[in-house]
């Protein structure tokens, strides 16, 4: 697994597509609302809690924030986005967080 070195334009294209796919997958999950606007995906729950997933162009990463934790995901040559700090993968991290918050299994697939 290798982190990709992307031009700014390639990063924007790839990150925007990843966030669109994630938003579409979240639209299939009950008990939350997903809204993607200008590179920021906001996931809102009935209790008012919000999780954020956004592209960070300067760092060429996708960032996530939920439950007082944050992740920075780098694009990989295999198409995945992985946090270099701990090896967490974007989709599995969001699935795990949603499963915990909604207290039921949530399996997202990109």
PDB file of N, CA and C in Angstrom:
ATOM      1  N   UNK A   1       0.856  -1.171   0.000  1.00  0.00           N
ATOM      2  CA  UNK A   1       0.000   0.000   0.000  1.00  0.00           C
ATOM      3  C   UNK A   1       0.895   1.224   0.000  1.00  0.00           C
ATOM      4  N   UNK A   2       0.686   2.095  -0.970  1.00  0.00           N
ATOM      5  CA  UNK A   2       1.504   3.286  -1.077  1.00  0.00           C
ATOM      6  C   UNK A   2       0.612   4.510  -1.208  1.00  0.00           C
ATOM      7  N   UNK A   3       1.004   5.575  -0.515  1.00  0.00           N
ATOM      8  CA  UNK A   3       0.293   6.835  -0.622  1.00  0.00           C
ATOM      9  C   UNK A   3       0.606   7.452  -1.974  1.00  0.00           C
ATOM     10  N   UNK A   4      -0.404   7.961  -2.633  1.00  0.00           N
ATOM     11  CA  UNK A   4      -0.236   8.580  -3.939  1.00  0.00           C
ATOM     12  C   UNK A   4       0.243  10.016  -3.805  1.00  0.00           C
ATOM     13  N   UNK A   5       1.046  10.440  -4.753  1.00  0.00           N
ATOM     14  CA  UNK A   5       1.387  11.842  -4.886  1.00  0.00           C
ATOM     15  C   UNK A   5       0.539  12.360  -6.036  1.00  0.00           C
ATOM     16  N   UNK A   6      -0.388  13.255  -5.724  1.00  0.00           N
ATOM     17  CA  UNK A   6      -1.346  13.742  -6.704  1.00  0.00           C
ATOM     18  C   UNK A   6      -1.172  15.231  -6.949  1.00  0.00           C
ATOM     19  N   UNK A   7      -1.494  15.655  -8.166  1.00  0.00           N
ATOM     20  CA  UNK A   7      -1.585  17.085  -8.411  1.00  0.00           C
ATOM     21  C   UNK A   7      -2.812  17.595  -7.667  1.00  0.00           C
ATOM     22  N   UNK A   8      -2.891  18.889  -7.505  1.00  0.00           N
ATOM     23  CA  UNK A   8      -4.050  19.456  -6.807  1.00  0.00           C
ATOM     24  C   UNK A   8      -5.345  19.117  -7.542  1.00  0.00           C
ATOM     25  N   UNK A   9      -5.322  19.210  -8.855  1.00  0.00           N
ATOM     26  CA  UNK A   9      -6.522  18.900  -9.641  1.00  0.00           C
ATOM     27  C   UNK A   9      -6.907  17.429  -9.512  1.00  0.00           C
ATOM     28  N   UNK A  10      -5.913  16.525  -9.585  1.00  0.00           N
ATOM     29  CA  UNK A  10      -6.193  15.090  -9.431  1.00  0.00           C
ATOM     30  C   UNK A  10      -6.737  14.791  -8.038  1.00  0.00           C
ATOM     31  N   UNK A  11      -6.167  15.442  -7.025  1.00  0.00           N
ATOM     32  CA  UNK A  11      -6.668  15.254  -5.670  1.00  0.00           C
ATOM     33  C   UNK A  11      -8.127  15.684  -5.588  1.00  0.00           C
ATOM     34  N   UNK A  12      -8.429  16.878  -6.084  1.00  0.00           N
ATOM     35  CA  UNK A  12      -9.801  17.390  -6.012  1.00  0.00           C
ATOM     36  C   UNK A  12     -10.778  16.449  -6.696  1.00  0.00           C
ATOM     37  N   UNK A  13     -10.425  15.960  -7.865  1.00  0.00           N
ATOM     38  CA  UNK A  13     -11.301  15.032  -8.591  1.00  0.00           C
ATOM     39  C   UNK A  13     -11.518  13.759  -7.786  1.00  0.00           C
ATOM     40  N   UNK A  14     -10.442  13.204  -7.291  1.00  0.00           N
ATOM     41  CA  UNK A  14     -10.532  11.943  -6.556  1.00  0.00           C
ATOM     42  C   UNK A  14     -11.280  12.105  -5.228  1.00  0.00           C
ATOM     43  N   UNK A  15     -10.972  13.154  -4.485  1.00  0.00           N
ATOM     44  CA  UNK A  15     -11.639  13.389  -3.195  1.00  0.00           C
ATOM     45  C   UNK A  15     -13.117  13.691  -3.391  1.00  0.00           C
ATOM     46  N   UNK A  16     -13.448  14.511  -4.390  1.00  0.00           N
ATOM     47  CA  UNK A  16     -14.853  14.836  -4.638  1.00  0.00           C
ATOM     48  C   UNK A  16     -15.649  13.579  -4.988  1.00  0.00           C
ATOM     49  N   UNK A  17     -15.073  12.716  -5.808  1.00  0.00           N
ATOM     50  CA  UNK A  17     -15.755  11.474  -6.182  1.00  0.00           C
ATOM     51  C   UNK A  17     -15.945  10.558  -4.966  1.00  0.00           C
ATOM     52  N   UNK A  18     -14.924  10.479  -4.128  1.00  0.00           N
ATOM     53  CA  UNK A  18     -15.020   9.637  -2.930  1.00  0.00           C
ATOM     54  C   UNK A  18     -16.113  10.147  -1.995  1.00  0.00           C
ATOM     55  N   UNK A  19     -16.176  11.458  -1.795  1.00  0.00           N
ATOM     56  CA  UNK A  19     -17.206  12.032  -0.923  1.00  0.00           C
ATOM     57  C   UNK A  19     -18.602  11.852  -1.517  1.00  0.00           C
ATOM     58  N   UNK A  20     -18.736  11.958  -2.835  1.00  0.00           N
ATOM     59  CA  UNK A  20     -20.037  11.716  -3.477  1.00  0.00           C
ATOM     60  C   UNK A  20     -20.485  10.277  -3.263  1.00  0.00           C
ATOM     61  N   UNK A  21     -19.566   9.331  -3.452  1.00  0.00           N
ATOM     62  CA  UNK A  21     -19.907   7.929  -3.245  1.00  0.00           C
ATOM     63  C   UNK A  21     -20.295   7.666  -1.792  1.00  0.00           C
ATOM     64  N   UNK A  22     -19.572   8.262  -0.863  1.00  0.00           N
ATOM     65  CA  UNK A  22     -19.886   8.091   0.554  1.00  0.00           C
ATOM     66  C   UNK A  22     -21.251   8.696   0.878  1.00  0.00           C
ATOM     67  N   UNK A  23     -21.526   9.878   0.356  1.00  0.00           N
ATOM     68  CA  UNK A  23     -22.834  10.514   0.582  1.00  0.00           C
ATOM     69  C   UNK A  23     -23.956   9.654   0.021  1.00  0.00           C
ATOM     70  N   UNK A  24     -23.767   9.086  -1.169  1.00  0.00           N
ATOM     71  CA  UNK A  24     -24.786   8.212  -1.765  1.00  0.00           C
ATOM     72  C   UNK A  24     -25.018   6.972  -0.905  1.00  0.00           C
ATOM     73  N   UNK A  25     -23.951   6.400  -0.376  1.00  0.00           N
ATOM     74  CA  UNK A  25     -24.099   5.234   0.503  1.00  0.00           C
ATOM     75  C   UNK A  25     -24.832   5.609   1.786  1.00  0.00           C
ATOM     76  N   UNK A  26     -24.531   6.777   2.314  1.00  0.00           N
ATOM     77  CA  UNK A  26     -25.181   7.222   3.556  1.00  0.00           C
ATOM     78  C   UNK A  26     -26.664   7.504   3.349  1.00  0.00           C
ATOM     79  N   UNK A  27     -27.037   7.874   2.137  1.00  0.00           N
ATOM     80  CA  UNK A  27     -28.456   8.110   1.841  1.00  0.00           C
ATOM     81  C   UNK A  27     -29.290   6.850   2.026  1.00  0.00           C
ATOM     82  N   UNK A  28     -28.663   5.674   2.027  1.00  0.00           N
ATOM     83  CA  UNK A  28     -29.363   4.403   2.195  1.00  0.00           C
ATOM     84  C   UNK A  28     -29.487   3.994   3.669  1.00  0.00           C
ATOM     85  N   UNK A  29     -28.894   4.779   4.568  1.00  0.00           N
ATOM     86  CA  UNK A  29     -28.890   4.446   6.001  1.00  0.00           C
ATOM     87  C   UNK A  29     -30.003   5.220   6.694  1.00  0.00           C
ATOM     88  N   UNK A  30     -30.882   4.500   7.405  1.00  0.00           N
ATOM     89  CA  UNK A  30     -31.950   5.136   8.172  1.00  0.00           C
ATOM     90  C   UNK A  30     -31.383   5.815   9.414  1.00  0.00           C
ATOM     91  N   UNK A  31     -32.103   6.782   9.927  1.00  0.00           N
ATOM     92  CA  UNK A  31     -31.811   7.451  11.194  1.00  0.00           C
ATOM     93  C   UNK A  31     -30.639   8.425  11.129  1.00  0.00           C
ATOM     94  N   UNK A  32     -30.331   8.895   9.938  1.00  0.00           N
ATOM     95  CA  UNK A  32     -29.337   9.953   9.810  1.00  0.00           C
ATOM     96  C   UNK A  32     -29.624  10.717   8.532  1.00  0.00           C
ATOM     97  N   UNK A  33     -29.048  11.895   8.438  1.00  0.00           N
ATOM     98  CA  UNK A  33     -29.175  12.712   7.247  1.00  0.00           C
ATOM     99  C   UNK A  33     -27.777  13.075   6.783  1.00  0.00           C
ATOM    100  N   UNK A  34     -27.495  12.883   5.513  1.00  0.00           N
ATOM    101  CA  UNK A  34     -26.186  13.204   4.953  1.00  0.00           C
ATOM    102  C   UNK A  34     -26.342  14.343   3.953  1.00  0.00           C
ATOM    103  N   UNK A  35     -25.475  15.340   4.082  1.00  0.00           N
ATOM    104  CA  UNK A  35     -25.532  16.498   3.199  1.00  0.00           C
ATOM    105  C   UNK A  35     -24.120  16.826   2.739  1.00  0.00           C
ATOM    106  N   UNK A  36     -23.914  16.811   1.429  1.00  0.00           N
ATOM    107  CA  UNK A  36     -22.610  17.118   0.850  1.00  0.00           C
ATOM    108  C   UNK A  36     -22.692  18.468   0.153  1.00  0.00           C
ATOM    109  N   UNK A  37     -21.894  19.407   0.634  1.00  0.00           N
ATOM    110  CA  UNK A  37     -21.840  20.749   0.053  1.00  0.00           C
ATOM    111  C   UNK A  37     -20.395  21.212  -0.021  1.00  0.00           C
ATOM    112  N   UNK A  38     -19.920  21.500  -1.229  1.00  0.00           N
ATOM    113  CA  UNK A  38     -18.595  22.088  -1.440  1.00  0.00           C
ATOM    114  C   UNK A  38     -17.472  21.346  -0.713  1.00  0.00           C
ATOM    115  N   UNK A  39     -17.471  20.020  -0.836  1.00  0.00           N
ATOM    116  CA  UNK A  39     -16.391  19.227  -0.268  1.00  0.00           C
ATOM    117  C   UNK A  39     -16.525  18.918   1.206  1.00  0.00           C
ATOM    118  N   UNK A  40     -17.680  19.268   1.804  1.00  0.00           N
ATOM    119  CA  UNK A  40     -17.923  18.987   3.218  1.00  0.00           C
ATOM    120  C   UNK A  40     -19.167  18.108   3.326  1.00  0.00           C
ATOM    121  N   UNK A  41     -18.974  16.900   3.859  1.00  0.00           N
ATOM    122  CA  UNK A  41     -20.071  15.962   4.073  1.00  0.00           C
ATOM    123  C   UNK A  41     -20.446  16.008   5.546  1.00  0.00           C
ATOM    124  N   UNK A  42     -21.664  16.454   5.828  1.00  0.00           N
ATOM    125  CA  UNK A  42     -22.158  16.538   7.199  1.00  0.00           C
ATOM    126  C   UNK A  42     -23.166  15.419   7.418  1.00  0.00           C
ATOM    127  N   UNK A  43     -22.923  14.621   8.441  1.00  0.00           N
ATOM    128  CA  UNK A  43     -23.824  13.528   8.818  1.00  0.00           C
ATOM    129  C   UNK A  43     -24.502  13.956  10.106  1.00  0.00           C
ATOM    130  N   UNK A  44     -25.822  14.107  10.066  1.00  0.00           N
ATOM    131  CA  UNK A  44     -26.584  14.601  11.214  1.00  0.00           C
ATOM    132  C   UNK A  44     -27.518  13.513  11.713  1.00  0.00           C
ATOM    133  N   UNK A  45     -27.568  13.379  13.029  1.00  0.00           N
ATOM    134  CA  UNK A  45     -28.401  12.364  13.682  1.00  0.00           C
ATOM    135  C   UNK A  45     -29.588  13.032  14.371  1.00  0.00           C
ATOM    136  N   UNK A  46     -30.584  12.238  14.705  1.00  0.00           N
ATOM    137  CA  UNK A  46     -31.797  12.733  15.337  1.00  0.00           C
ATOM    138  C   UNK A  46     -31.557  13.471  16.638  1.00  0.00           C
ATOM    139  N   UNK A  47     -30.491  13.129  17.355  1.00  0.00           N
ATOM    140  CA  UNK A  47     -30.201  13.798  18.621  1.00  0.00           C
ATOM    141  C   UNK A  47     -29.407  15.090  18.430  1.00  0.00           C
ATOM    142  N   UNK A  48     -29.176  15.466  17.152  1.00  0.00           N
ATOM    143  CA  UNK A  48     -28.455  16.702  16.860  1.00  0.00           C
ATOM    144  C   UNK A  48     -26.948  16.530  16.686  1.00  0.00           C
ATOM    145  N   UNK A  49     -26.427  15.350  16.998  1.00  0.00           N
ATOM    146  CA  UNK A  49     -24.995  15.110  16.828  1.00  0.00           C
ATOM    147  C   UNK A  49     -24.637  15.187  15.345  1.00  0.00           C
ATOM    148  N   UNK A  50     -23.418  15.652  15.079  1.00  0.00           N
ATOM    149  CA  UNK A  50     -22.947  15.763  13.699  1.00  0.00           C
ATOM    150  C   UNK A  50     -21.555  15.177  13.575  1.00  0.00           C
ATOM    151  N   UNK A  51     -21.355  14.442  12.507  1.00  0.00           N
ATOM    152  CA  UNK A  51     -20.037  13.953  12.117  1.00  0.00           C
ATOM    153  C   UNK A  51     -19.694  14.660  10.805  1.00  0.00           C
ATOM    154  N   UNK A  52     -18.437  14.984  10.629  1.00  0.00           N
ATOM    155  CA  UNK A  52     -17.998  15.708   9.444  1.00  0.00           C
ATOM    156  C   UNK A  52     -16.911  14.914   8.723  1.00  0.00           C
ATOM    157  N   UNK A  53     -17.042  14.829   7.405  1.00  0.00           N
ATOM    158  CA  UNK A  53     -16.005  14.256   6.551  1.00  0.00           C
ATOM    159  C   UNK A  53     -15.791  15.282   5.436  1.00  0.00           C
ATOM    160  N   UNK A  54     -14.558  15.736   5.265  1.00  0.00           N
ATOM    161  CA  UNK A  54     -14.311  16.760   4.256  1.00  0.00           C
ATOM    162  C   UNK A  54     -12.973  16.585   3.568  1.00  0.00           C
ATOM    163  N   UNK A  55     -12.897  17.134   2.369  1.00  0.00           N
ATOM    164  CA  UNK A  55     -11.614  17.122   1.670  1.00  0.00           C
ATOM    165  C   UNK A  55     -10.822  18.332   2.162  1.00  0.00           C
ATOM    166  N   UNK A  56      -9.554  18.105   2.411  1.00  0.00           N
ATOM    167  CA  UNK A  56      -8.657  19.170   2.844  1.00  0.00           C
ATOM    168  C   UNK A  56      -7.607  19.314   1.754  1.00  0.00           C
ATOM    169  N   UNK A  57      -7.864  20.268   0.876  1.00  0.00           N
ATOM    170  CA  UNK A  57      -7.040  20.410  -0.312  1.00  0.00           C
ATOM    171  C   UNK A  57      -5.580  20.734  -0.013  1.00  0.00           C
ATOM    172  N   UNK A  58      -5.327  21.576   0.946  1.00  0.00           N
ATOM    173  CA  UNK A  58      -3.943  21.961   1.258  1.00  0.00           C
ATOM    174  C   UNK A  58      -3.108  20.754   1.681  1.00  0.00           C
ATOM    175  N   UNK A  59      -3.713  19.863   2.464  1.00  0.00           N
ATOM    176  CA  UNK A  59      -3.000  18.666   2.938  1.00  0.00           C
ATOM    177  C   UNK A  59      -3.145  17.483   1.981  1.00  0.00           C
ATOM    178  N   UNK A  60      -4.035  17.622   0.980  1.00  0.00           N
ATOM    179  CA  UNK A  60      -4.362  16.536   0.054  1.00  0.00           C
ATOM    180  C   UNK A  60      -4.781  15.277   0.814  1.00  0.00           C
ATOM    181  N   UNK A  61      -5.710  15.503   1.746  1.00  0.00           N
ATOM    182  CA  UNK A  61      -6.255  14.426   2.564  1.00  0.00           C
ATOM    183  C   UNK A  61      -7.762  14.588   2.672  1.00  0.00           C
ATOM    184  N   UNK A  62      -8.429  13.507   3.064  1.00  0.00           N
ATOM    185  CA  UNK A  62      -9.813  13.585   3.511  1.00  0.00           C
ATOM    186  C   UNK A  62      -9.765  13.512   5.026  1.00  0.00           C
ATOM    187  N   UNK A  63     -10.409  14.467   5.656  1.00  0.00           N
ATOM    188  CA  UNK A  63     -10.418  14.529   7.113  1.00  0.00           C
ATOM    189  C   UNK A  63     -11.785  14.119   7.628  1.00  0.00           C
ATOM    190  N   UNK A  64     -11.804  13.481   8.794  1.00  0.00           N
ATOM    191  CA  UNK A  64     -13.045  13.105   9.443  1.00  0.00           C
ATOM    192  C   UNK A  64     -13.008  13.511  10.902  1.00  0.00           C
ATOM    193  N   UNK A  65     -14.164  13.900  11.425  1.00  0.00           N
ATOM    194  CA  UNK A  65     -14.268  14.253  12.836  1.00  0.00           C
ATOM    195  C   UNK A  65     -15.586  13.731  13.385  1.00  0.00           C
ATOM    196  N   UNK A  66     -15.496  13.009  14.514  1.00  0.00           N
ATOM    197  CA  UNK A  66     -16.681  12.443  15.156  1.00  0.00           C
ATOM    198  C   UNK A  66     -16.338  12.072  16.587  1.00  0.00           C
ATOM    199  N   UNK A  67     -17.278  12.312  17.472  1.00  0.00           N
ATOM    200  CA  UNK A  67     -17.130  11.856  18.861  1.00  0.00           C
ATOM    201  C   UNK A  67     -15.778  12.258  19.481  1.00  0.00           C
ATOM    202  N   UNK A  68     -15.398  13.499  19.295  1.00  0.00           N
ATOM    203  CA  UNK A  68     -14.156  14.034  19.886  1.00  0.00           C
ATOM    204  C   UNK A  68     -12.890  13.367  19.364  1.00  0.00           C
ATOM    205  N   UNK A  69     -12.974  12.761  18.197  1.00  0.00           N
ATOM    206  CA  UNK A  69     -11.813  12.155  17.549  1.00  0.00           C
ATOM    207  C   UNK A  69     -11.722  12.693  16.126  1.00  0.00           C
ATOM    208  N   UNK A  70     -10.523  12.606  15.559  1.00  0.00           N
ATOM    209  CA  UNK A  70     -10.320  13.081  14.193  1.00  0.00           C
ATOM    210  C   UNK A  70      -9.399  12.124  13.452  1.00  0.00           C
ATOM    211  N   UNK A  71      -9.577  12.074  12.142  1.00  0.00           N
ATOM    212  CA  UNK A  71      -8.776  11.213  11.273  1.00  0.00           C
ATOM    213  C   UNK A  71      -8.343  12.023  10.070  1.00  0.00           C
ATOM    214  N   UNK A  72      -7.184  11.689   9.548  1.00  0.00           N
ATOM    215  CA  UNK A  72      -6.687  12.256   8.298  1.00  0.00           C
ATOM    216  C   UNK A  72      -6.370  11.073   7.396  1.00  0.00           C
ATOM    217  N   UNK A  73      -7.045  11.005   6.253  1.00  0.00           N
ATOM    218  CA  UNK A  73      -6.906   9.869   5.346  1.00  0.00           C
ATOM    219  C   UNK A  73      -6.151  10.281   4.086  1.00  0.00           C
ATOM    220  N   UNK A  74      -5.122   9.516   3.745  1.00  0.00           N
ATOM    221  CA  UNK A  74      -4.336   9.753   2.537  1.00  0.00           C
ATOM    222  C   UNK A  74      -4.829   8.856   1.406  1.00  0.00           C
ATOM    223  N   UNK A  75      -4.786   9.351   0.168  1.00  0.00           N
ATOM    224  CA  UNK A  75      -5.162   8.500  -0.972  1.00  0.00           C
ATOM    225  C   UNK A  75      -4.087   7.442  -1.215  1.00  0.00           C
ATOM    226  N   UNK A  76      -4.551   6.226  -1.484  1.00  0.00           N
ATOM    227  CA  UNK A  76      -3.639   5.112  -1.729  1.00  0.00           C
ATOM    228  C   UNK A  76      -3.689   4.713  -3.203  1.00  0.00           C
ATOM    229  N   UNK A  77      -2.650   4.045  -3.659  1.00  0.00           N
ATOM    230  CA  UNK A  77      -2.607   3.635  -5.060  1.00  0.00           C
ATOM    231  C   UNK A  77      -3.636   2.567  -5.393  1.00  0.00           C
ATOM    232  N   UNK A  78      -4.218   1.920  -4.368  1.00  0.00           N
ATOM    233  CA  UNK A  78      -5.254   0.903  -4.607  1.00  0.00           C
ATOM    234  C   UNK A  78      -6.668   1.487  -4.567  1.00  0.00           C
ATOM    235  N   UNK A  79      -6.784   2.820  -4.466  1.00  0.00           N
ATOM    236  CA  UNK A  79      -8.087   3.476  -4.479  1.00  0.00           C
ATOM    237  C   UNK A  79      -8.674   3.774  -3.116  1.00  0.00           C
ATOM    238  N   UNK A  80      -8.095   3.209  -2.067  1.00  0.00           N
ATOM    239  CA  UNK A  80      -8.611   3.454  -0.719  1.00  0.00           C
ATOM    240  C   UNK A  80      -8.011   4.735  -0.147  1.00  0.00           C
ATOM    241  N   UNK A  81      -8.618   5.210   0.941  1.00  0.00           N
ATOM    242  CA  UNK A  81      -8.106   6.343   1.713  1.00  0.00           C
ATOM    243  C   UNK A  81      -7.781   5.799   3.098  1.00  0.00           C
ATOM    244  N   UNK A  82      -6.534   5.942   3.522  1.00  0.00           N
ATOM    245  CA  UNK A  82      -6.059   5.309   4.758  1.00  0.00           C
ATOM    246  C   UNK A  82      -5.369   6.342   5.635  1.00  0.00           C
ATOM    247  N   UNK A  83      -5.647   6.259   6.942  1.00  0.00           N
ATOM    248  CA  UNK A  83      -5.003   7.150   7.927  1.00  0.00           C
ATOM    249  C   UNK A  83      -3.597   6.630   8.209  1.00  0.00           C
ATOM    250  N   UNK A  84      -2.561   7.408   7.901  1.00  0.00           N
ATOM    251  CA  UNK A  84      -1.194   6.926   8.120  1.00  0.00           C
ATOM    252  C   UNK A  84      -0.863   6.716   9.595  1.00  0.00           C
ATOM    253  N   UNK A  85      -1.553   7.419  10.455  1.00  0.00           N
ATOM    254  CA  UNK A  85      -1.292   7.338  11.898  1.00  0.00           C
ATOM    255  C   UNK A  85      -1.571   5.946  12.470  1.00  0.00           C
ATOM    256  N   UNK A  86      -2.680   5.324  11.997  1.00  0.00           N
ATOM    257  CA  UNK A  86      -3.072   4.048  12.596  1.00  0.00           C
ATOM    258  C   UNK A  86      -3.561   3.001  11.593  1.00  0.00           C
ATOM    259  N   UNK A  87      -3.561   3.330  10.300  1.00  0.00           N
ATOM    260  CA  UNK A  87      -3.979   2.373   9.284  1.00  0.00           C
ATOM    261  C   UNK A  87      -5.478   2.258   9.092  1.00  0.00           C
ATOM    262  N   UNK A  88      -6.274   3.097   9.785  1.00  0.00           N
ATOM    263  CA  UNK A  88      -7.725   3.068   9.601  1.00  0.00           C
ATOM    264  C   UNK A  88      -8.073   3.439   8.161  1.00  0.00           C
ATOM    265  N   UNK A  89      -9.072   2.765   7.601  1.00  0.00           N
ATOM    266  CA  UNK A  89      -9.555   3.037   6.252  1.00  0.00           C
ATOM    267  C   UNK A  89     -10.834   3.858   6.354  1.00  0.00           C
ATOM    268  N   UNK A  90     -11.033   4.797   5.447  1.00  0.00           N
ATOM    269  CA  UNK A  90     -12.153   5.741   5.502  1.00  0.00           C
ATOM    270  C   UNK A  90     -13.504   5.054   5.652  1.00  0.00           C
ATOM    271  N   UNK A  91     -13.863   4.170   4.728  1.00  0.00           N
ATOM    272  CA  UNK A  91     -15.201   3.571   4.729  1.00  0.00           C
ATOM    273  C   UNK A  91     -15.433   2.704   5.957  1.00  0.00           C
ATOM    274  N   UNK A  92     -14.448   1.918   6.343  1.00  0.00           N
ATOM    275  CA  UNK A  92     -14.632   1.067   7.518  1.00  0.00           C
ATOM    276  C   UNK A  92     -14.699   1.906   8.789  1.00  0.00           C
ATOM    277  N   UNK A  93     -13.987   3.025   8.822  1.00  0.00           N
ATOM    278  CA  UNK A  93     -14.049   3.917   9.983  1.00  0.00           C
ATOM    279  C   UNK A  93     -15.440   4.532  10.106  1.00  0.00           C
ATOM    280  N   UNK A  94     -15.974   5.030   8.995  1.00  0.00           N
ATOM    281  CA  UNK A  94     -17.321   5.613   9.027  1.00  0.00           C
ATOM    282  C   UNK A  94     -18.342   4.539   9.400  1.00  0.00           C
ATOM    283  N   UNK A  95     -18.210   3.340   8.854  1.00  0.00           N
ATOM    284  CA  UNK A  95     -19.129   2.245   9.210  1.00  0.00           C
ATOM    285  C   UNK A  95     -19.080   1.952  10.707  1.00  0.00           C
ATOM    286  N   UNK A  96     -17.877   1.877  11.255  1.00  0.00           N
ATOM    287  CA  UNK A  96     -17.711   1.587  12.685  1.00  0.00           C
ATOM    288  C   UNK A  96     -18.325   2.689  13.543  1.00  0.00           C
ATOM    289  N   UNK A  97     -18.086   3.940  13.183  1.00  0.00           N
ATOM    290  CA  UNK A  97     -18.632   5.062  13.941  1.00  0.00           C
ATOM    291  C   UNK A  97     -20.164   5.078  13.894  1.00  0.00           C
ATOM    292  N   UNK A  98     -20.725   4.834  12.711  1.00  0.00           N
ATOM    293  CA  UNK A  98     -22.187   4.814  12.582  1.00  0.00           C
ATOM    294  C   UNK A  98     -22.790   3.646  13.341  1.00  0.00           C
ATOM    295  N   UNK A  99     -22.146   2.488  13.286  1.00  0.00           N
ATOM    296  CA  UNK A  99     -22.636   1.321  14.024  1.00  0.00           C
ATOM    297  C   UNK A  99     -22.677   1.604  15.515  1.00  0.00           C
ATOM    298  N   UNK A 100     -21.651   2.257  16.008  1.00  0.00           N
ATOM    299  CA  UNK A 100     -21.600   2.602  17.429  1.00  0.00           C
ATOM    300  C   UNK A 100     -22.675   3.634  17.782  1.00  0.00           C
ATOM    301  N   UNK A 101     -22.798   4.672  16.973  1.00  0.00           N
ATOM    302  CA  UNK A 101     -23.762   5.745  17.241  1.00  0.00           C
ATOM    303  C   UNK A 101     -25.200   5.240  17.144  1.00  0.00           C
ATOM    304  N   UNK A 102     -25.490   4.443  16.113  1.00  0.00           N
ATOM    305  CA  UNK A 102     -26.868   3.976  15.883  1.00  0.00           C
ATOM    306  C   UNK A 102     -27.182   2.687  16.643  1.00  0.00           C
ATOM    307  N   UNK A 103     -26.172   2.108  17.267  1.00  0.00           N
ATOM    308  CA  UNK A 103     -26.327   0.877  18.067  1.00  0.00           C
ATOM    309  C   UNK A 103     -26.915  -0.279  17.259  1.00  0.00           C
ATOM    310  N   UNK A 104     -26.427  -0.376  16.013  1.00  0.00           N
ATOM    311  CA  UNK A 104     -26.777  -1.494  15.145  1.00  0.00           C
ATOM    312  C   UNK A 104     -25.723  -1.549  14.046  1.00  0.00           C
ATOM    313  N   UNK A 105     -25.546  -2.697  13.449  1.00  0.00           N
ATOM    314  CA  UNK A 105     -24.521  -2.809  12.399  1.00  0.00           C
ATOM    315  C   UNK A 105     -24.842  -1.935  11.186  1.00  0.00           C
ATOM    316  N   UNK A 106     -23.858  -1.198  10.740  1.00  0.00           N
ATOM    317  CA  UNK A 106     -23.961  -0.417   9.513  1.00  0.00           C
ATOM    318  C   UNK A 106     -22.744  -0.769   8.667  1.00  0.00           C
ATOM    319  N   UNK A 107     -22.978  -1.354   7.514  1.00  0.00           N
ATOM    320  CA  UNK A 107     -21.894  -1.750   6.626  1.00  0.00           C
ATOM    321  C   UNK A 107     -21.973  -0.922   5.348  1.00  0.00           C
ATOM    322  N   UNK A 108     -21.060   0.000   5.196  1.00  0.00           N
ATOM    323  CA  UNK A 108     -20.994   0.822   3.995  1.00  0.00           C
ATOM    324  C   UNK A 108     -20.004   0.196   3.018  1.00  0.00           C
ATOM    325  N   UNK A 109     -20.335   0.292   1.751  1.00  0.00           N
ATOM    326  CA  UNK A 109     -19.413  -0.216   0.730  1.00  0.00           C
ATOM    327  C   UNK A 109     -19.286   0.816  -0.368  1.00  0.00           C
ATOM    328  N   UNK A 110     -18.045   1.078  -0.742  1.00  0.00           N
ATOM    329  CA  UNK A 110     -17.779   2.075  -1.780  1.00  0.00           C
ATOM    330  C   UNK A 110     -17.770   1.517  -3.155  1.00  0.00           C
TER     331      UNK A 110
END
